[in-house]
Protein backbone atom coordinates (compact mmCIF):
# COMPACT_ATOMS: atom_id res chain seq x y z
CA UNK A 1 -4.97 -4.94 -18.53
CA UNK A 2 -6.29 -1.42 -17.96
CA UNK A 3 -9.66 -1.50 -16.13
CA UNK A 4 -10.23 2.19 -15.55
CA UNK A 5 -8.31 5.31 -15.33
CA UNK A 6 -7.98 6.00 -11.59
CA UNK A 7 -7.19 9.36 -9.99
CA UNK A 8 -7.94 10.93 -6.63
CA UNK A 9 -11.12 12.31 -8.11
CA UNK A 10 -12.62 8.97 -9.05
CA UNK A 11 -10.87 6.74 -6.45
CA UNK A 12 -9.65 3.20 -6.64
CA UNK A 13 -11.27 0.12 -8.30
CA UNK A 14 -12.64 -1.81 -5.34
CA UNK A 15 -13.90 -4.88 -7.32
CA UNK A 16 -15.08 -6.29 -10.63
CA UNK A 17 -17.59 -8.91 -11.67
CA UNK A 18 -18.49 -10.27 -15.07
CA UNK A 19 -22.23 -9.98 -15.52
CA UNK A 20 -25.05 -10.63 -17.99
CA UNK A 21 -27.84 -8.04 -18.63
CA UNK A 22 -30.22 -10.47 -16.81
CA UNK A 23 -28.20 -10.51 -13.56
CA UNK A 24 -28.53 -8.31 -10.60
CA UNK A 25 -25.79 -6.68 -8.50
CA UNK A 26 -25.71 -6.07 -4.76
CA UNK A 27 -23.16 -3.69 -3.23
CA UNK A 28 -22.71 -3.30 0.62
CA UNK A 29 -20.71 -0.93 2.85
CA UNK A 30 -19.20 -1.02 6.24
CA UNK A 31 -21.91 1.51 7.47
CA UNK A 32 -24.81 -0.80 6.55
CA UNK A 33 -25.70 0.75 3.18
CA UNK A 34 -26.96 -1.87 0.67
CA UNK A 35 -28.06 -1.36 -2.87
CA UNK A 36 -29.37 -3.76 -5.38
CA UNK A 37 -29.61 -3.00 -9.15
CA UNK A 38 -30.17 -4.66 -12.41
CA UNK A 39 -26.96 -5.07 -14.46
CA UNK A 40 -28.79 -3.87 -17.41
CA UNK A 41 -29.21 -0.53 -15.79
CA UNK A 42 -25.45 0.08 -15.62
CA UNK A 43 -23.99 2.23 -18.53
CA UNK A 44 -21.67 0.55 -20.84
CA UNK A 45 -18.68 2.79 -21.53
CA UNK A 46 -15.64 2.63 -23.68
CA UNK A 47 -12.40 1.25 -22.35
CA UNK A 48 -10.71 4.68 -22.02
CA UNK A 49 -13.05 6.14 -19.44
CA UNK A 50 -13.01 6.96 -15.71
CA UNK A 51 -15.80 4.42 -14.89
CA UNK A 52 -19.41 4.64 -13.74
CA UNK A 53 -20.54 5.42 -10.17
CA UNK A 54 -22.76 2.82 -8.70
CA UNK A 55 -22.87 3.88 -5.11
CA UNK A 56 -22.39 7.18 -3.28
CA UNK A 57 -20.31 6.85 -0.11
CA UNK A 58 -19.77 9.06 2.88
CA UNK A 59 -16.18 10.15 3.30
CA UNK A 60 -15.44 7.57 6.05
CA UNK A 61 -17.57 4.70 4.30
CA UNK A 62 -15.90 1.74 2.43
CA UNK A 63 -17.48 -0.89 0.21
CA UNK A 64 -17.35 -4.24 1.83
CA UNK A 65 -18.90 -6.56 -0.74
CA UNK A 66 -19.95 -6.94 -4.34
CA UNK A 67 -22.24 -9.75 -5.40
CA UNK A 68 -23.71 -10.92 -8.65
CA UNK A 69 -27.06 -12.58 -8.57
CA UNK A 70 -27.61 -14.71 -11.71
CA UNK A 71 -31.03 -15.31 -13.10
CA UNK A 72 -31.82 -19.00 -12.84
CA UNK A 73 -34.95 -19.22 -14.89
CA UNK A 74 -36.64 -21.03 -11.98
CA UNK A 75 -38.41 -18.54 -9.70
CA UNK A 76 -38.61 -21.06 -6.89
CA UNK A 77 -34.95 -22.02 -6.93
CA UNK A 78 -32.57 -20.37 -4.35
CA UNK A 79 -29.91 -18.04 -5.83
CA UNK A 80 -26.57 -17.61 -4.22
CA UNK A 81 -24.21 -14.72 -4.83
CA UNK A 82 -20.66 -15.38 -6.04
CA UNK A 83 -18.00 -15.33 -3.48
CA UNK A 84 -15.42 -12.55 -3.54
């Protein structure tokens, strides 16, 4: 399966998650940067592309985690991210 065309310019695929438009994504780095975004805000591209940048890293920074937070429909229920 081809997930993305990788080259030095775009870098390696560090992880993938299957998400729904109602989910949120959290990405963390080894330098403490954390971002949270709605899955619906991520562009959907054709299969023959170079991907979508979700986070901008410093040259010595690495992604350490990617988590999907699913909508439960119950605002009071705790939501746990998927394990890598």
